Amino acid sequence: MNPASCSACMVMNRECTLGCILKPHFPSTKTGIFERLHSVFGGDNVFKILSNLQLSQRENAVKALCYEAEARKRDPISGYYGELLKHQNDLKILDEQIKRARSELASIVGPDKVPPYPNNILPTHNSLLTDIDGRHGNAGSSTSAGPAMALGSTSVICDTLPPPQNQNQP
């Protein structure tokens, strides 16, 4: 294999051309990134997704695919959506704990001495998506790459996520 080949072409065992659309996103030194995407989505599917996007959208798409691949490794059924639901549930539990603590504090020091706390602290699913898209000027865009857009480079996303947990081990 050509040493100048990108990691995607190395993994898919094909010749890397000068105009390879995968090369900017999957350098030859980071084969693990594409291997993870390949194991979840398939190399040809990643190629098709990127080839149907404009150049300016590809980096965000790679980040989103990488994030989703890691989420699918952890939870093959729900993927990222399962993580979102878990975090929303955690926020709901924390909000309830804060309300109980405020109530207890009000009974001790009096309700007028308890600092204010907003009642609508939990964002809705739609407001989360709008906030994510809105930060990048893509509000309502159907081509948005998703929540991973706000994260750093592709290698940072894939290399910093914890390894998938085996559900069968204690």
N, C-alpha and C. Protein backbone atom coordinates (compact mmCIF):
# COMPACT_ATOMS: atom_id res chain seq x y z
N MET A 1 0.86 -1.18 0.00
CA MET A 1 0.00 0.00 0.00
C MET A 1 0.90 1.24 0.00
N ASN A 2 0.50 2.23 -0.70
CA ASN A 2 1.22 3.48 -0.83
C ASN A 2 1.31 4.17 0.54
N PRO A 3 2.50 4.59 0.99
CA PRO A 3 2.61 5.24 2.30
C PRO A 3 1.85 6.56 2.37
N ALA A 4 1.53 7.15 1.22
CA ALA A 4 0.78 8.40 1.20
C ALA A 4 -0.73 8.15 1.23
N SER A 5 -1.14 6.90 1.33
CA SER A 5 -2.56 6.57 1.37
C SER A 5 -3.18 7.06 2.67
N CYS A 6 -4.43 7.44 2.58
CA CYS A 6 -5.15 7.82 3.79
C CYS A 6 -5.56 6.56 4.54
N SER A 7 -5.88 6.71 5.80
CA SER A 7 -6.23 5.53 6.60
C SER A 7 -7.50 4.86 6.09
N ALA A 8 -8.41 5.63 5.50
CA ALA A 8 -9.64 5.05 4.96
C ALA A 8 -9.32 4.10 3.81
N CYS A 9 -8.48 4.53 2.90
CA CYS A 9 -8.11 3.67 1.77
C CYS A 9 -7.29 2.46 2.24
N MET A 10 -6.46 2.64 3.27
CA MET A 10 -5.72 1.51 3.81
C MET A 10 -6.67 0.47 4.41
N VAL A 11 -7.66 0.93 5.18
CA VAL A 11 -8.60 0.01 5.82
C VAL A 11 -9.45 -0.69 4.77
N MET A 12 -9.88 0.05 3.74
CA MET A 12 -10.73 -0.55 2.70
C MET A 12 -9.90 -1.24 1.63
N ASN A 13 -8.56 -1.25 1.78
CA ASN A 13 -7.63 -1.93 0.88
C ASN A 13 -7.85 -1.50 -0.58
N ARG A 14 -7.85 -0.19 -0.78
CA ARG A 14 -7.98 0.33 -2.13
C ARG A 14 -6.93 1.40 -2.36
N GLU A 15 -6.72 1.73 -3.63
CA GLU A 15 -5.70 2.71 -3.98
C GLU A 15 -6.21 4.11 -3.67
N CYS A 16 -5.39 4.88 -2.99
CA CYS A 16 -5.74 6.25 -2.63
C CYS A 16 -5.29 7.17 -3.75
N THR A 17 -6.23 7.86 -4.35
CA THR A 17 -5.92 8.76 -5.46
C THR A 17 -5.59 10.15 -4.94
N LEU A 18 -5.12 10.99 -5.83
CA LEU A 18 -4.78 12.35 -5.47
C LEU A 18 -6.00 13.14 -5.00
N GLY A 19 -7.16 12.90 -5.61
CA GLY A 19 -8.38 13.62 -5.25
C GLY A 19 -9.28 12.85 -4.29
N CYS A 20 -8.72 11.96 -3.50
CA CYS A 20 -9.51 11.16 -2.56
C CYS A 20 -10.24 12.08 -1.58
N ILE A 21 -11.57 11.94 -1.50
CA ILE A 21 -12.34 12.83 -0.61
C ILE A 21 -12.21 12.42 0.86
N LEU A 22 -11.69 11.24 1.11
CA LEU A 22 -11.53 10.77 2.49
C LEU A 22 -10.21 11.22 3.11
N LYS A 23 -9.21 11.50 2.26
CA LYS A 23 -7.87 11.81 2.73
C LYS A 23 -7.78 13.00 3.70
N PRO A 24 -8.49 14.11 3.47
CA PRO A 24 -8.38 15.23 4.42
C PRO A 24 -8.92 14.91 5.82
N HIS A 25 -9.81 13.96 5.90
CA HIS A 25 -10.47 13.67 7.17
C HIS A 25 -9.88 12.47 7.91
N PHE A 26 -9.18 11.62 7.19
CA PHE A 26 -8.63 10.40 7.78
C PHE A 26 -7.16 10.25 7.39
N PRO A 27 -6.27 10.98 8.09
CA PRO A 27 -4.84 10.90 7.75
C PRO A 27 -4.30 9.50 8.02
N SER A 28 -3.20 9.17 7.36
CA SER A 28 -2.64 7.83 7.45
C SER A 28 -2.15 7.51 8.86
N THR A 29 -1.90 8.52 9.67
CA THR A 29 -1.40 8.28 11.02
C THR A 29 -2.51 7.94 12.02
N LYS A 30 -3.76 8.11 11.61
CA LYS A 30 -4.89 7.88 12.53
C LYS A 30 -5.83 6.82 11.95
N THR A 31 -5.37 5.58 11.87
CA THR A 31 -6.20 4.53 11.28
C THR A 31 -7.37 4.15 12.18
N GLY A 32 -7.24 4.35 13.47
CA GLY A 32 -8.31 3.97 14.39
C GLY A 32 -9.60 4.72 14.16
N ILE A 33 -9.50 5.96 13.71
CA ILE A 33 -10.70 6.77 13.49
C ILE A 33 -11.57 6.12 12.42
N PHE A 34 -10.99 5.84 11.27
CA PHE A 34 -11.80 5.26 10.20
C PHE A 34 -12.20 3.83 10.50
N GLU A 35 -11.36 3.08 11.20
CA GLU A 35 -11.73 1.71 11.55
C GLU A 35 -13.01 1.67 12.38
N ARG A 36 -13.16 2.63 13.30
CA ARG A 36 -14.38 2.69 14.11
C ARG A 36 -15.60 3.01 13.25
N LEU A 37 -15.44 3.98 12.36
CA LEU A 37 -16.55 4.33 11.47
C LEU A 37 -16.88 3.16 10.54
N HIS A 38 -15.84 2.50 10.03
CA HIS A 38 -16.02 1.37 9.13
C HIS A 38 -16.76 0.22 9.81
N SER A 39 -16.44 -0.03 11.07
CA SER A 39 -17.08 -1.14 11.77
C SER A 39 -18.55 -0.88 12.07
N VAL A 40 -18.96 0.38 12.19
CA VAL A 40 -20.35 0.71 12.49
C VAL A 40 -21.16 0.97 11.22
N PHE A 41 -20.64 1.81 10.34
CA PHE A 41 -21.41 2.24 9.17
C PHE A 41 -21.00 1.54 7.88
N GLY A 42 -19.78 1.03 7.83
CA GLY A 42 -19.26 0.48 6.58
C GLY A 42 -18.52 1.56 5.82
N GLY A 43 -17.38 1.23 5.27
CA GLY A 43 -16.56 2.20 4.58
C GLY A 43 -17.24 2.81 3.36
N ASP A 44 -17.94 1.98 2.59
CA ASP A 44 -18.62 2.50 1.40
C ASP A 44 -19.72 3.49 1.77
N ASN A 45 -20.42 3.25 2.87
CA ASN A 45 -21.47 4.17 3.30
C ASN A 45 -20.88 5.52 3.74
N VAL A 46 -19.75 5.48 4.44
CA VAL A 46 -19.09 6.72 4.84
C VAL A 46 -18.67 7.49 3.59
N PHE A 47 -18.12 6.77 2.60
CA PHE A 47 -17.72 7.41 1.34
C PHE A 47 -18.93 8.04 0.65
N LYS A 48 -20.04 7.32 0.58
CA LYS A 48 -21.24 7.84 -0.08
C LYS A 48 -21.77 9.08 0.64
N ILE A 49 -21.79 9.04 1.97
CA ILE A 49 -22.28 10.19 2.73
C ILE A 49 -21.43 11.42 2.44
N LEU A 50 -20.11 11.26 2.49
CA LEU A 50 -19.22 12.40 2.28
C LEU A 50 -19.25 12.88 0.83
N SER A 51 -19.41 11.98 -0.11
CA SER A 51 -19.41 12.40 -1.52
C SER A 51 -20.68 13.17 -1.88
N ASN A 52 -21.75 12.99 -1.11
CA ASN A 52 -23.00 13.72 -1.37
C ASN A 52 -23.06 15.07 -0.67
N LEU A 53 -22.00 15.44 0.04
CA LEU A 53 -21.97 16.70 0.77
C LEU A 53 -21.04 17.69 0.10
N GLN A 54 -21.26 18.96 0.39
CA GLN A 54 -20.35 20.00 -0.09
C GLN A 54 -19.07 19.93 0.74
N LEU A 55 -18.00 20.48 0.19
CA LEU A 55 -16.71 20.46 0.89
C LEU A 55 -16.81 21.07 2.28
N SER A 56 -17.56 22.14 2.42
CA SER A 56 -17.66 22.82 3.71
C SER A 56 -18.42 22.01 4.75
N GLN A 57 -19.20 21.03 4.33
CA GLN A 57 -20.00 20.24 5.26
C GLN A 57 -19.33 18.94 5.68
N ARG A 58 -18.31 18.54 4.98
CA ARG A 58 -17.72 17.21 5.21
C ARG A 58 -17.07 17.06 6.58
N GLU A 59 -16.34 18.07 7.03
CA GLU A 59 -15.66 17.95 8.33
C GLU A 59 -16.69 17.77 9.45
N ASN A 60 -17.76 18.54 9.40
CA ASN A 60 -18.81 18.40 10.41
C ASN A 60 -19.48 17.04 10.33
N ALA A 61 -19.67 16.54 9.13
CA ALA A 61 -20.28 15.22 8.95
C ALA A 61 -19.38 14.13 9.53
N VAL A 62 -18.07 14.25 9.32
CA VAL A 62 -17.14 13.26 9.86
C VAL A 62 -17.19 13.29 11.39
N LYS A 63 -17.25 14.49 11.97
CA LYS A 63 -17.33 14.60 13.43
C LYS A 63 -18.62 13.96 13.95
N ALA A 64 -19.72 14.22 13.28
CA ALA A 64 -21.00 13.67 13.70
C ALA A 64 -21.01 12.15 13.54
N LEU A 65 -20.48 11.65 12.44
CA LEU A 65 -20.42 10.20 12.23
C LEU A 65 -19.54 9.53 13.28
N CYS A 66 -18.43 10.16 13.59
CA CYS A 66 -17.52 9.62 14.59
C CYS A 66 -18.19 9.56 15.96
N TYR A 67 -18.88 10.63 16.31
CA TYR A 67 -19.58 10.67 17.59
C TYR A 67 -20.68 9.61 17.64
N GLU A 68 -21.44 9.50 16.57
CA GLU A 68 -22.51 8.50 16.52
C GLU A 68 -21.95 7.08 16.53
N ALA A 69 -20.82 6.86 15.87
CA ALA A 69 -20.21 5.52 15.88
C ALA A 69 -19.82 5.12 17.30
N GLU A 70 -19.23 6.04 18.05
CA GLU A 70 -18.87 5.74 19.43
C GLU A 70 -20.11 5.48 20.27
N ALA A 71 -21.15 6.26 20.05
CA ALA A 71 -22.40 6.05 20.79
C ALA A 71 -23.02 4.71 20.43
N ARG A 72 -22.95 4.32 19.16
CA ARG A 72 -23.50 3.02 18.72
C ARG A 72 -22.69 1.87 19.29
N LYS A 73 -21.39 2.06 19.49
CA LYS A 73 -20.58 1.00 20.11
C LYS A 73 -21.02 0.78 21.55
N ARG A 74 -21.34 1.88 22.26
CA ARG A 74 -21.78 1.76 23.65
C ARG A 74 -23.21 1.24 23.75
N ASP A 75 -24.08 1.71 22.86
CA ASP A 75 -25.48 1.32 22.89
C ASP A 75 -25.94 1.08 21.45
N PRO A 76 -25.86 -0.16 20.98
CA PRO A 76 -26.17 -0.45 19.58
C PRO A 76 -27.62 -0.16 19.18
N ILE A 77 -28.53 -0.13 20.13
CA ILE A 77 -29.94 0.10 19.81
C ILE A 77 -30.24 1.59 19.68
N SER A 78 -29.92 2.36 20.69
CA SER A 78 -30.32 3.77 20.73
C SER A 78 -29.24 4.73 20.27
N GLY A 79 -27.98 4.38 20.37
CA GLY A 79 -26.91 5.26 19.96
C GLY A 79 -26.92 6.57 20.72
N TYR A 80 -26.73 7.66 19.98
CA TYR A 80 -26.68 8.98 20.59
C TYR A 80 -27.99 9.35 21.27
N TYR A 81 -29.11 8.95 20.67
CA TYR A 81 -30.41 9.31 21.23
C TYR A 81 -30.57 8.71 22.63
N GLY A 82 -30.09 7.51 22.85
CA GLY A 82 -30.15 6.90 24.17
C GLY A 82 -29.33 7.69 25.19
N GLU A 83 -28.18 8.20 24.76
CA GLU A 83 -27.36 9.02 25.65
C GLU A 83 -28.07 10.33 25.96
N LEU A 84 -28.71 10.91 24.96
CA LEU A 84 -29.45 12.15 25.17
C LEU A 84 -30.56 11.94 26.19
N LEU A 85 -31.31 10.85 26.06
CA LEU A 85 -32.39 10.56 27.00
C LEU A 85 -31.85 10.34 28.41
N LYS A 86 -30.72 9.65 28.51
CA LYS A 86 -30.12 9.41 29.83
C LYS A 86 -29.72 10.73 30.49
N HIS A 87 -29.10 11.61 29.73
CA HIS A 87 -28.67 12.90 30.29
C HIS A 87 -29.88 13.77 30.65
N GLN A 88 -30.93 13.72 29.83
CA GLN A 88 -32.13 14.48 30.17
C GLN A 88 -32.75 13.94 31.47
N ASN A 89 -32.74 12.63 31.65
CA ASN A 89 -33.27 12.03 32.88
C ASN A 89 -32.41 12.44 34.07
N ASP A 90 -31.09 12.45 33.90
CA ASP A 90 -30.20 12.90 34.98
C ASP A 90 -30.49 14.35 35.36
N LEU A 91 -30.71 15.20 34.36
CA LEU A 91 -31.04 16.60 34.64
C LEU A 91 -32.36 16.73 35.38
N LYS A 92 -33.32 15.90 35.02
CA LYS A 92 -34.63 15.94 35.68
C LYS A 92 -34.48 15.55 37.15
N ILE A 93 -33.70 14.51 37.42
CA ILE A 93 -33.47 14.07 38.80
C ILE A 93 -32.77 15.17 39.59
N LEU A 94 -31.75 15.80 39.00
CA LEU A 94 -31.04 16.88 39.68
C LEU A 94 -31.96 18.07 39.95
N ASP A 95 -32.83 18.38 39.00
CA ASP A 95 -33.78 19.47 39.18
C ASP A 95 -34.72 19.17 40.35
N GLU A 96 -35.18 17.93 40.45
CA GLU A 96 -36.06 17.54 41.56
C GLU A 96 -35.32 17.64 42.90
N GLN A 97 -34.04 17.24 42.92
CA GLN A 97 -33.25 17.33 44.15
C GLN A 97 -33.06 18.79 44.57
N ILE A 98 -32.85 19.66 43.61
CA ILE A 98 -32.70 21.09 43.92
C ILE A 98 -34.00 21.63 44.50
N LYS A 99 -35.12 21.27 43.91
CA LYS A 99 -36.42 21.74 44.42
C LYS A 99 -36.66 21.25 45.85
N ARG A 100 -36.32 19.98 46.13
CA ARG A 100 -36.48 19.46 47.50
C ARG A 100 -35.56 20.20 48.46
N ALA A 101 -34.32 20.46 48.04
CA ALA A 101 -33.37 21.17 48.90
C ALA A 101 -33.84 22.60 49.16
N ARG A 102 -34.39 23.26 48.14
CA ARG A 102 -34.92 24.61 48.32
C ARG A 102 -36.10 24.61 49.28
N SER A 103 -36.94 23.59 49.18
CA SER A 103 -38.09 23.49 50.07
C SER A 103 -37.62 23.30 51.52
N GLU A 104 -36.63 22.44 51.69
CA GLU A 104 -36.08 22.20 53.03
C GLU A 104 -35.41 23.46 53.57
N LEU A 105 -34.67 24.15 52.72
CA LEU A 105 -34.02 25.39 53.13
C LEU A 105 -35.06 26.45 53.50
N ALA A 106 -36.15 26.51 52.74
CA ALA A 106 -37.21 27.48 53.02
C ALA A 106 -37.85 27.20 54.37
N SER A 107 -37.97 25.93 54.73
CA SER A 107 -38.58 25.60 56.02
C SER A 107 -37.64 25.95 57.19
N ILE A 108 -36.33 26.02 56.92
CA ILE A 108 -35.36 26.34 57.97
C ILE A 108 -35.15 27.85 58.11
N VAL A 109 -34.88 28.54 57.00
CA VAL A 109 -34.55 29.97 57.07
C VAL A 109 -35.70 30.88 56.65
N GLY A 110 -36.74 30.32 56.11
CA GLY A 110 -37.88 31.12 55.65
C GLY A 110 -37.86 31.26 54.14
N PRO A 111 -39.04 31.28 53.52
CA PRO A 111 -39.11 31.32 52.06
C PRO A 111 -38.56 32.60 51.44
N ASP A 112 -38.58 33.70 52.16
CA ASP A 112 -38.09 34.95 51.59
C ASP A 112 -36.57 35.03 51.55
N LYS A 113 -35.87 34.16 52.25
CA LYS A 113 -34.39 34.18 52.29
C LYS A 113 -33.77 33.17 51.32
N VAL A 114 -34.59 32.38 50.64
CA VAL A 114 -34.06 31.39 49.69
C VAL A 114 -33.82 32.09 48.35
N PRO A 115 -32.61 31.94 47.80
CA PRO A 115 -32.32 32.60 46.53
C PRO A 115 -33.22 32.07 45.42
N PRO A 116 -33.52 32.89 44.41
CA PRO A 116 -34.41 32.46 43.33
C PRO A 116 -33.77 31.36 42.49
N TYR A 117 -34.62 30.52 41.95
CA TYR A 117 -34.20 29.42 41.09
C TYR A 117 -35.21 29.32 39.96
N PRO A 118 -34.76 29.32 38.71
CA PRO A 118 -35.72 29.28 37.60
C PRO A 118 -36.49 27.96 37.57
N ASN A 119 -37.78 28.05 37.30
CA ASN A 119 -38.61 26.85 37.24
C ASN A 119 -38.40 26.05 35.97
N ASN A 120 -38.03 26.71 34.90
CA ASN A 120 -37.87 26.02 33.62
C ASN A 120 -36.38 25.85 33.28
N ILE A 121 -35.65 25.22 34.18
CA ILE A 121 -34.21 25.06 34.00
C ILE A 121 -33.89 24.00 32.95
N LEU A 122 -34.76 23.01 32.77
CA LEU A 122 -34.48 21.93 31.83
C LEU A 122 -34.85 22.34 30.41
N PRO A 123 -33.91 22.25 29.48
CA PRO A 123 -34.24 22.56 28.09
C PRO A 123 -35.03 21.41 27.48
N THR A 124 -35.85 21.71 26.51
CA THR A 124 -36.58 20.68 25.79
C THR A 124 -35.70 20.12 24.69
N HIS A 125 -36.09 18.99 24.14
CA HIS A 125 -35.33 18.36 23.07
C HIS A 125 -35.21 19.31 21.87
N ASN A 126 -36.33 19.96 21.49
CA ASN A 126 -36.31 20.86 20.35
C ASN A 126 -35.43 22.08 20.60
N SER A 127 -35.45 22.60 21.82
CA SER A 127 -34.61 23.76 22.10
C SER A 127 -33.13 23.38 22.09
N LEU A 128 -32.82 22.14 22.47
CA LEU A 128 -31.43 21.69 22.39
C LEU A 128 -30.97 21.67 20.94
N LEU A 129 -31.79 21.14 20.06
CA LEU A 129 -31.42 21.07 18.65
C LEU A 129 -31.32 22.46 18.04
N THR A 130 -32.23 23.34 18.40
CA THR A 130 -32.19 24.70 17.89
C THR A 130 -30.94 25.41 18.40
N ASP A 131 -30.61 25.20 19.68
CA ASP A 131 -29.42 25.82 20.25
C ASP A 131 -28.17 25.33 19.55
N ILE A 132 -28.08 24.03 19.31
CA ILE A 132 -26.91 23.48 18.63
C ILE A 132 -26.80 24.05 17.23
N ASP A 133 -27.90 24.00 16.47
CA ASP A 133 -27.87 24.51 15.12
C ASP A 133 -27.69 26.02 15.10
N GLY A 134 -28.32 26.71 16.04
CA GLY A 134 -28.26 28.17 16.09
C GLY A 134 -26.86 28.68 16.32
N ARG A 135 -26.05 27.96 17.10
CA ARG A 135 -24.68 28.40 17.37
C ARG A 135 -23.85 28.42 16.10
N HIS A 136 -24.25 27.62 15.13
CA HIS A 136 -23.46 27.50 13.91
C HIS A 136 -24.14 28.12 12.71
N GLY A 137 -25.24 28.84 12.95
CA GLY A 137 -25.92 29.51 11.85
C GLY A 137 -26.69 28.57 10.96
N ASN A 138 -27.05 27.39 11.46
CA ASN A 138 -27.76 26.41 10.64
C ASN A 138 -29.15 26.14 11.16
N ALA A 139 -29.78 27.06 11.82
CA ALA A 139 -31.07 26.81 12.43
C ALA A 139 -32.04 26.26 11.41
N GLY A 140 -32.61 25.11 11.74
CA GLY A 140 -33.60 24.48 10.89
C GLY A 140 -33.02 23.81 9.66
N SER A 141 -31.73 23.74 9.55
CA SER A 141 -31.11 23.15 8.37
C SER A 141 -31.23 21.65 8.39
N SER A 142 -31.61 21.08 7.27
CA SER A 142 -31.71 19.62 7.20
C SER A 142 -30.36 18.99 6.92
N THR A 143 -29.36 19.81 6.61
CA THR A 143 -28.04 19.26 6.33
C THR A 143 -27.11 19.39 7.52
N SER A 144 -27.65 19.75 8.65
CA SER A 144 -26.82 19.91 9.84
C SER A 144 -26.19 18.58 10.23
N ALA A 145 -24.95 18.62 10.64
CA ALA A 145 -24.25 17.39 11.02
C ALA A 145 -24.59 16.96 12.43
N GLY A 146 -25.28 17.76 13.19
CA GLY A 146 -25.74 17.33 14.50
C GLY A 146 -24.90 17.87 15.63
N PRO A 147 -25.07 17.27 16.82
CA PRO A 147 -24.47 17.80 18.02
C PRO A 147 -22.97 17.74 18.06
N ALA A 148 -22.36 16.93 17.26
CA ALA A 148 -20.91 16.84 17.31
C ALA A 148 -20.24 18.03 16.67
N MET A 149 -21.00 18.89 16.00
CA MET A 149 -20.41 20.04 15.32
C MET A 149 -19.69 20.96 16.28
N ALA A 150 -20.18 21.08 17.49
CA ALA A 150 -19.59 22.01 18.43
C ALA A 150 -18.29 21.50 19.00
N LEU A 151 -17.95 20.25 18.74
CA LEU A 151 -16.75 19.66 19.31
C LEU A 151 -15.55 19.96 18.44
N GLY A 152 -14.38 19.58 18.94
CA GLY A 152 -13.13 19.87 18.25
C GLY A 152 -12.90 19.00 17.04
N SER A 153 -11.64 18.77 16.72
CA SER A 153 -11.32 18.03 15.52
C SER A 153 -11.75 16.58 15.63
N THR A 154 -11.81 15.92 14.50
CA THR A 154 -12.26 14.54 14.44
C THR A 154 -11.43 13.65 15.34
N SER A 155 -10.13 13.81 15.32
CA SER A 155 -9.28 12.95 16.13
C SER A 155 -9.53 13.18 17.61
N VAL A 156 -9.84 14.40 17.99
CA VAL A 156 -10.13 14.68 19.40
C VAL A 156 -11.40 13.96 19.82
N ILE A 157 -12.42 13.99 18.98
CA ILE A 157 -13.69 13.34 19.32
C ILE A 157 -13.48 11.85 19.49
N CYS A 158 -12.88 11.23 18.48
CA CYS A 158 -12.75 9.78 18.50
C CYS A 158 -11.74 9.30 19.54
N ASP A 159 -10.71 10.08 19.77
CA ASP A 159 -9.67 9.64 20.69
C ASP A 159 -9.99 9.91 22.15
N THR A 160 -10.92 10.82 22.45
CA THR A 160 -11.19 11.16 23.84
C THR A 160 -12.43 10.48 24.40
N LEU A 161 -13.27 9.91 23.56
CA LEU A 161 -14.45 9.22 24.07
C LEU A 161 -14.00 7.93 24.76
N PRO A 162 -14.67 7.55 25.84
CA PRO A 162 -14.28 6.33 26.54
C PRO A 162 -14.55 5.12 25.65
N PRO A 163 -13.78 4.04 25.85
CA PRO A 163 -14.00 2.85 25.05
C PRO A 163 -15.36 2.24 25.35
N PRO A 164 -15.94 1.55 24.38
CA PRO A 164 -17.24 0.92 24.61
C PRO A 164 -17.15 -0.09 25.74
N GLN A 165 -18.20 -0.13 26.54
CA GLN A 165 -18.27 -1.08 27.64
C GLN A 165 -18.94 -2.36 27.18
N ASN A 166 -18.39 -3.49 27.57
CA ASN A 166 -19.02 -4.76 27.26
C ASN A 166 -20.18 -4.97 28.23
N GLN A 167 -21.38 -5.13 27.71
CA GLN A 167 -22.57 -5.24 28.53
C GLN A 167 -22.59 -6.53 29.36
N ASN A 168 -21.81 -7.54 28.96
CA ASN A 168 -21.84 -8.83 29.65
C ASN A 168 -20.88 -8.91 30.83
N GLN A 169 -19.96 -7.96 30.92
CA GLN A 169 -18.99 -8.00 32.01
C GLN A 169 -19.50 -7.19 33.17
N PRO A 170 -19.14 -7.56 34.43
CA PRO A 170 -19.59 -6.80 35.61
C PRO A 170 -18.91 -5.48 35.73
